[in-house]
Amino acid sequence: MARKCAISGKGPMSGNNVSHAKNRTKRRFLLNLRTVRITLEDGTTKKVKISARELRTLKKNS
């Protein structure tokens, strides 16, 4: 499974590592993904990978 949030669809971002000498090399900023069990409307549970931000949003709105 890709490093993507199952709810928001967000994926990794790209950017640069910057040293003290201001040398730049490419890097990826990965999501803080968490595997959680979500109860669906029909009563079944499903394991999904969601970002920590979406987990906070789910806890706030439920």
PDB file of N, CA and C in Angstrom:
ATOM      1  N   MET A   1       0.847  -1.184   0.000  1.00  0.00           N
ATOM      2  CA  MET A   1       0.000   0.000   0.000  1.00  0.00           C
ATOM      3  C   MET A   1       0.890   1.244   0.000  1.00  0.00           C
ATOM      4  N   ALA A   2       0.485   2.250  -0.744  1.00  0.00           N
ATOM      5  CA  ALA A   2       1.274   3.464  -0.860  1.00  0.00           C
ATOM      6  C   ALA A   2       1.243   4.259   0.444  1.00  0.00           C
ATOM      7  N   ARG A   3       2.219   5.127   0.600  1.00  0.00           N
ATOM      8  CA  ARG A   3       2.263   5.993   1.776  1.00  0.00           C
ATOM      9  C   ARG A   3       1.294   7.146   1.567  1.00  0.00           C
ATOM     10  N   LYS A   4       0.000   6.828   1.664  1.00  0.00           N
ATOM     11  CA  LYS A   4      -1.052   7.805   1.441  1.00  0.00           C
ATOM     12  C   LYS A   4      -2.102   7.666   2.509  1.00  0.00           C
ATOM     13  N   CYS A   5      -2.710   8.786   2.876  1.00  0.00           N
ATOM     14  CA  CYS A   5      -3.813   8.770   3.826  1.00  0.00           C
ATOM     15  C   CYS A   5      -5.058   8.254   3.111  1.00  0.00           C
ATOM     16  N   ALA A   6      -5.755   7.297   3.735  1.00  0.00           N
ATOM     17  CA  ALA A   6      -6.927   6.694   3.109  1.00  0.00           C
ATOM     18  C   ALA A   6      -8.106   7.660   3.062  1.00  0.00           C
ATOM     19  N   ILE A   7      -8.135   8.661   3.928  1.00  0.00           N
ATOM     20  CA  ILE A   7      -9.267   9.583   3.980  1.00  0.00           C
ATOM     21  C   ILE A   7      -9.005  10.836   3.142  1.00  0.00           C
ATOM     22  N   SER A   8      -7.902  11.517   3.424  1.00  0.00           N
ATOM     23  CA  SER A   8      -7.642  12.776   2.731  1.00  0.00           C
ATOM     24  C   SER A   8      -6.911  12.598   1.413  1.00  0.00           C
ATOM     25  N   GLY A   9      -6.242  11.459   1.219  1.00  0.00           N
ATOM     26  CA  GLY A   9      -5.496  11.228  -0.013  1.00  0.00           C
ATOM     27  C   GLY A   9      -4.152  11.921  -0.060  1.00  0.00           C
ATOM     28  N   LYS A  10      -3.728  12.502   1.063  1.00  0.00           N
ATOM     29  CA  LYS A  10      -2.443  13.188   1.098  1.00  0.00           C
ATOM     30  C   LYS A  10      -1.301  12.184   0.995  1.00  0.00           C
ATOM     31  N   GLY A  11      -0.238  12.590   0.316  1.00  0.00           N
ATOM     32  CA  GLY A  11       0.936  11.749   0.159  1.00  0.00           C
ATOM     33  C   GLY A  11       2.187  12.502   0.571  1.00  0.00           C
ATOM     34  N   PRO A  12       3.355  11.897   0.353  1.00  0.00           N
ATOM     35  CA  PRO A  12       4.601  12.550   0.729  1.00  0.00           C
ATOM     36  C   PRO A  12       4.861  13.804  -0.101  1.00  0.00           C
ATOM     37  N   MET A  13       5.565  14.759   0.508  1.00  0.00           N
ATOM     38  CA  MET A  13       5.980  15.972  -0.192  1.00  0.00           C
ATOM     39  C   MET A  13       7.473  15.878  -0.458  1.00  0.00           C
ATOM     40  N   SER A  14       7.956  16.661  -1.408  1.00  0.00           N
ATOM     41  CA  SER A  14       9.389  16.678  -1.677  1.00  0.00           C
ATOM     42  C   SER A  14       9.953  18.023  -1.263  1.00  0.00           C
ATOM     43  N   GLY A  15      11.237  18.003  -0.923  1.00  0.00           N
ATOM     44  CA  GLY A  15      11.906  19.219  -0.499  1.00  0.00           C
ATOM     45  C   GLY A  15      13.401  19.008  -0.501  1.00  0.00           C
ATOM     46  N   ASN A  16      14.109  19.789   0.295  1.00  0.00           N
ATOM     47  CA  ASN A  16      15.560  19.735   0.325  1.00  0.00           C
ATOM     48  C   ASN A  16      16.076  19.558   1.742  1.00  0.00           C
ATOM     49  N   ASN A  17      17.162  18.774   1.890  1.00  0.00           N
ATOM     50  CA  ASN A  17      17.994  18.839   3.081  1.00  0.00           C
ATOM     51  C   ASN A  17      18.923  20.023   2.878  1.00  0.00           C
ATOM     52  N   VAL A  18      19.115  20.839   3.904  1.00  0.00           N
ATOM     53  CA  VAL A  18      19.993  21.995   3.787  1.00  0.00           C
ATOM     54  C   VAL A  18      21.039  21.903   4.883  1.00  0.00           C
ATOM     55  N   SER A  19      22.312  21.837   4.485  1.00  0.00           N
ATOM     56  CA  SER A  19      23.403  21.749   5.450  1.00  0.00           C
ATOM     57  C   SER A  19      23.775  23.149   5.933  1.00  0.00           C
ATOM     58  N   HIS A  20      24.721  23.212   6.872  1.00  0.00           N
ATOM     59  CA  HIS A  20      25.181  24.513   7.373  1.00  0.00           C
ATOM     60  C   HIS A  20      25.842  25.326   6.263  1.00  0.00           C
ATOM     61  N   ALA A  21      26.432  24.627   5.291  1.00  0.00           N
ATOM     62  CA  ALA A  21      27.063  25.308   4.159  1.00  0.00           C
ATOM     63  C   ALA A  21      26.052  25.635   3.063  1.00  0.00           C
ATOM     64  N   LYS A  22      24.773  25.437   3.346  1.00  0.00           N
ATOM     65  CA  LYS A  22      23.665  25.714   2.422  1.00  0.00           C
ATOM     66  C   LYS A  22      23.681  24.816   1.183  1.00  0.00           C
ATOM     67  N   ASN A  23      24.317  23.645   1.281  1.00  0.00           N
ATOM     68  CA  ASN A  23      24.227  22.669   0.197  1.00  0.00           C
ATOM     69  C   ASN A  23      22.857  22.016   0.274  1.00  0.00           C
ATOM     70  N   ARG A  24      22.256  21.791  -0.890  1.00  0.00           N
ATOM     71  CA  ARG A  24      20.904  21.230  -0.911  1.00  0.00           C
ATOM     72  C   ARG A  24      20.892  19.888  -1.625  1.00  0.00           C
ATOM     73  N   THR A  25      20.249  18.907  -0.990  1.00  0.00           N
ATOM     74  CA  THR A  25      20.016  17.610  -1.618  1.00  0.00           C
ATOM     75  C   THR A  25      18.539  17.282  -1.455  1.00  0.00           C
ATOM     76  N   LYS A  26      17.985  16.598  -2.451  1.00  0.00           N
ATOM     77  CA  LYS A  26      16.555  16.298  -2.439  1.00  0.00           C
ATOM     78  C   LYS A  26      16.211  15.299  -1.335  1.00  0.00           C
ATOM     79  N   ARG A  27      15.020  15.437  -0.782  1.00  0.00           N
ATOM     80  CA  ARG A  27      14.511  14.518   0.230  1.00  0.00           C
ATOM     81  C   ARG A  27      13.001  14.467   0.139  1.00  0.00           C
ATOM     82  N   ARG A  28      12.415  13.526   0.871  1.00  0.00           N
ATOM     83  CA  ARG A  28      10.954  13.392   0.927  1.00  0.00           C
ATOM     84  C   ARG A  28      10.491  13.630   2.357  1.00  0.00           C
ATOM     85  N   PHE A  29       9.425  14.395   2.498  1.00  0.00           N
ATOM     86  CA  PHE A  29       8.774  14.578   3.787  1.00  0.00           C
ATOM     87  C   PHE A  29       7.610  13.597   3.835  1.00  0.00           C
ATOM     88  N   LEU A  30       7.735  12.558   4.677  1.00  0.00           N
ATOM     89  CA  LEU A  30       6.716  11.520   4.742  1.00  0.00           C
ATOM     90  C   LEU A  30       5.627  11.894   5.736  1.00  0.00           C
ATOM     91  N   LEU A  31       4.446  11.336   5.534  1.00  0.00           N
ATOM     92  CA  LEU A  31       3.327  11.559   6.443  1.00  0.00           C
ATOM     93  C   LEU A  31       3.518  10.776   7.729  1.00  0.00           C
ATOM     94  N   ASN A  32       2.878  11.246   8.776  1.00  0.00           N
ATOM     95  CA  ASN A  32       2.844  10.521  10.044  1.00  0.00           C
ATOM     96  C   ASN A  32       1.624   9.603   9.996  1.00  0.00           C
ATOM     97  N   LEU A  33       1.800   8.427   9.359  1.00  0.00           N
ATOM     98  CA  LEU A  33       0.680   7.513   9.151  1.00  0.00           C
ATOM     99  C   LEU A  33       0.472   6.612  10.352  1.00  0.00           C
ATOM    100  N   ARG A  34      -0.785   6.359  10.671  1.00  0.00           N
ATOM    101  CA  ARG A  34      -1.178   5.474  11.761  1.00  0.00           C
ATOM    102  C   ARG A  34      -2.167   4.456  11.219  1.00  0.00           C
ATOM    103  N   THR A  35      -2.016   3.206  11.638  1.00  0.00           N
ATOM    104  CA  THR A  35      -2.975   2.173  11.267  1.00  0.00           C
ATOM    105  C   THR A  35      -4.027   2.096  12.361  1.00  0.00           C
ATOM    106  N   VAL A  36      -5.279   2.350  11.999  1.00  0.00           N
ATOM    107  CA  VAL A  36      -6.372   2.350  12.976  1.00  0.00           C
ATOM    108  C   VAL A  36      -7.517   1.499  12.456  1.00  0.00           C
ATOM    109  N   ARG A  37      -8.336   1.028  13.380  1.00  0.00           N
ATOM    110  CA  ARG A  37      -9.555   0.301  13.020  1.00  0.00           C
ATOM    111  C   ARG A  37     -10.710   1.290  13.025  1.00  0.00           C
ATOM    112  N   ILE A  38     -11.429   1.337  11.926  1.00  0.00           N
ATOM    113  CA  ILE A  38     -12.572   2.240  11.804  1.00  0.00           C
ATOM    114  C   ILE A  38     -13.827   1.394  11.663  1.00  0.00           C
ATOM    115  N   THR A  39     -14.857   1.727  12.448  1.00  0.00           N
ATOM    116  CA  THR A  39     -16.139   1.035  12.345  1.00  0.00           C
ATOM    117  C   THR A  39     -16.964   1.696  11.254  1.00  0.00           C
ATOM    118  N   LEU A  40     -17.374   0.902  10.279  1.00  0.00           N
ATOM    119  CA  LEU A  40     -18.167   1.417   9.171  1.00  0.00           C
ATOM    120  C   LEU A  40     -19.642   1.483   9.559  1.00  0.00           C
ATOM    121  N   GLU A  41     -20.463   2.063   8.686  1.00  0.00           N
ATOM    122  CA  GLU A  41     -21.885   2.252   8.995  1.00  0.00           C
ATOM    123  C   GLU A  41     -22.633   0.937   9.133  1.00  0.00           C
ATOM    124  N   ASP A  42     -22.170  -0.116   8.434  1.00  0.00           N
ATOM    125  CA  ASP A  42     -22.866  -1.404   8.531  1.00  0.00           C
ATOM    126  C   ASP A  42     -22.389  -2.240   9.708  1.00  0.00           C
ATOM    127  N   GLY A  43     -21.527  -1.684  10.560  1.00  0.00           N
ATOM    128  CA  GLY A  43     -21.094  -2.370  11.773  1.00  0.00           C
ATOM    129  C   GLY A  43     -19.790  -3.127  11.656  1.00  0.00           C
ATOM    130  N   THR A  44     -19.259  -3.269  10.448  1.00  0.00           N
ATOM    131  CA  THR A  44     -17.991  -3.976  10.286  1.00  0.00           C
ATOM    132  C   THR A  44     -16.827  -3.034  10.558  1.00  0.00           C
ATOM    133  N   THR A  45     -15.705  -3.612  10.939  1.00  0.00           N
ATOM    134  CA  THR A  45     -14.517  -2.802  11.181  1.00  0.00           C
ATOM    135  C   THR A  45     -13.519  -3.044  10.065  1.00  0.00           C
ATOM    136  N   LYS A  46     -12.739  -2.008   9.775  1.00  0.00           N
ATOM    137  CA  LYS A  46     -11.748  -2.087   8.713  1.00  0.00           C
ATOM    138  C   LYS A  46     -10.487  -1.383   9.177  1.00  0.00           C
ATOM    139  N   LYS A  47      -9.328  -1.980   8.871  1.00  0.00           N
ATOM    140  CA  LYS A  47      -8.056  -1.351   9.189  1.00  0.00           C
ATOM    141  C   LYS A  47      -7.666  -0.424   8.045  1.00  0.00           C
ATOM    142  N   VAL A  48      -7.372   0.816   8.371  1.00  0.00           N
ATOM    143  CA  VAL A  48      -6.949   1.779   7.355  1.00  0.00           C
ATOM    144  C   VAL A  48      -5.756   2.565   7.873  1.00  0.00           C
ATOM    145  N   LYS A  49      -4.948   3.053   6.933  1.00  0.00           N
ATOM    146  CA  LYS A  49      -3.829   3.921   7.279  1.00  0.00           C
ATOM    147  C   LYS A  49      -4.277   5.358   7.083  1.00  0.00           C
ATOM    148  N   ILE A  50      -4.265   6.132   8.171  1.00  0.00           N
ATOM    149  CA  ILE A  50      -4.638   7.539   8.072  1.00  0.00           C
ATOM    150  C   ILE A  50      -3.555   8.375   8.728  1.00  0.00           C
ATOM    151  N   SER A  51      -3.483   9.624   8.340  1.00  0.00           N
ATOM    152  CA  SER A  51      -2.482  10.518   8.904  1.00  0.00           C
ATOM    153  C   SER A  51      -2.891  10.932  10.313  1.00  0.00           C
ATOM    154  N   ALA A  52      -1.925  11.358  11.090  1.00  0.00           N
ATOM    155  CA  ALA A  52      -2.192  11.770  12.468  1.00  0.00           C
ATOM    156  C   ALA A  52      -3.130  12.970  12.500  1.00  0.00           C
ATOM    157  N   ARG A  53      -3.054  13.834  11.505  1.00  0.00           N
ATOM    158  CA  ARG A  53      -3.946  14.987  11.427  1.00  0.00           C
ATOM    159  C   ARG A  53      -5.390  14.539  11.224  1.00  0.00           C
ATOM    160  N   GLU A  54      -5.608  13.564  10.344  1.00  0.00           N
ATOM    161  CA  GLU A  54      -6.961  13.055  10.114  1.00  0.00           C
ATOM    162  C   GLU A  54      -7.484  12.310  11.339  1.00  0.00           C
ATOM    163  N   LEU A  55      -6.584  11.656  12.077  1.00  0.00           N
ATOM    164  CA  LEU A  55      -6.987  10.971  13.304  1.00  0.00           C
ATOM    165  C   LEU A  55      -7.500  11.976  14.327  1.00  0.00           C
ATOM    166  N   ARG A  56      -6.828  13.113  14.436  1.00  0.00           N
ATOM    167  CA  ARG A  56      -7.283  14.180  15.337  1.00  0.00           C
ATOM    168  C   ARG A  56      -8.647  14.700  14.902  1.00  0.00           C
ATOM    169  N   THR A  57      -8.826  14.873  13.593  1.00  0.00           N
ATOM    170  CA  THR A  57     -10.093  15.371  13.069  1.00  0.00           C
ATOM    171  C   THR A  57     -11.220  14.386  13.342  1.00  0.00           C
ATOM    172  N   LEU A  58     -10.944  13.082  13.161  1.00  0.00           N
ATOM    173  CA  LEU A  58     -11.955  12.062  13.436  1.00  0.00           C
ATOM    174  C   LEU A  58     -12.353  12.059  14.904  1.00  0.00           C
ATOM    175  N   LYS A  59     -11.365  12.158  15.792  1.00  0.00           N
ATOM    176  CA  LYS A  59     -11.669  12.160  17.228  1.00  0.00           C
ATOM    177  C   LYS A  59     -12.468  13.397  17.617  1.00  0.00           C
ATOM    178  N   LYS A  60     -12.169  14.526  16.975  1.00  0.00           N
ATOM    179  CA  LYS A  60     -12.871  15.766  17.289  1.00  0.00           C
ATOM    180  C   LYS A  60     -14.326  15.709  16.834  1.00  0.00           C
ATOM    181  N   ASN A  61     -14.576  15.154  15.652  1.00  0.00           N
ATOM    182  CA  ASN A  61     -15.911  15.195  15.060  1.00  0.00           C
ATOM    183  C   ASN A  61     -16.787  14.002  15.391  1.00  0.00           C
ATOM    184  N   SER A  62     -16.255  13.003  16.111  1.00  0.00           N
ATOM    185  CA  SER A  62     -17.093  11.838  16.406  1.00  0.00           C
ATOM    186  C   SER A  62     -17.489  11.780  17.862  1.00  0.00           C
TER     187      SER A  62
END
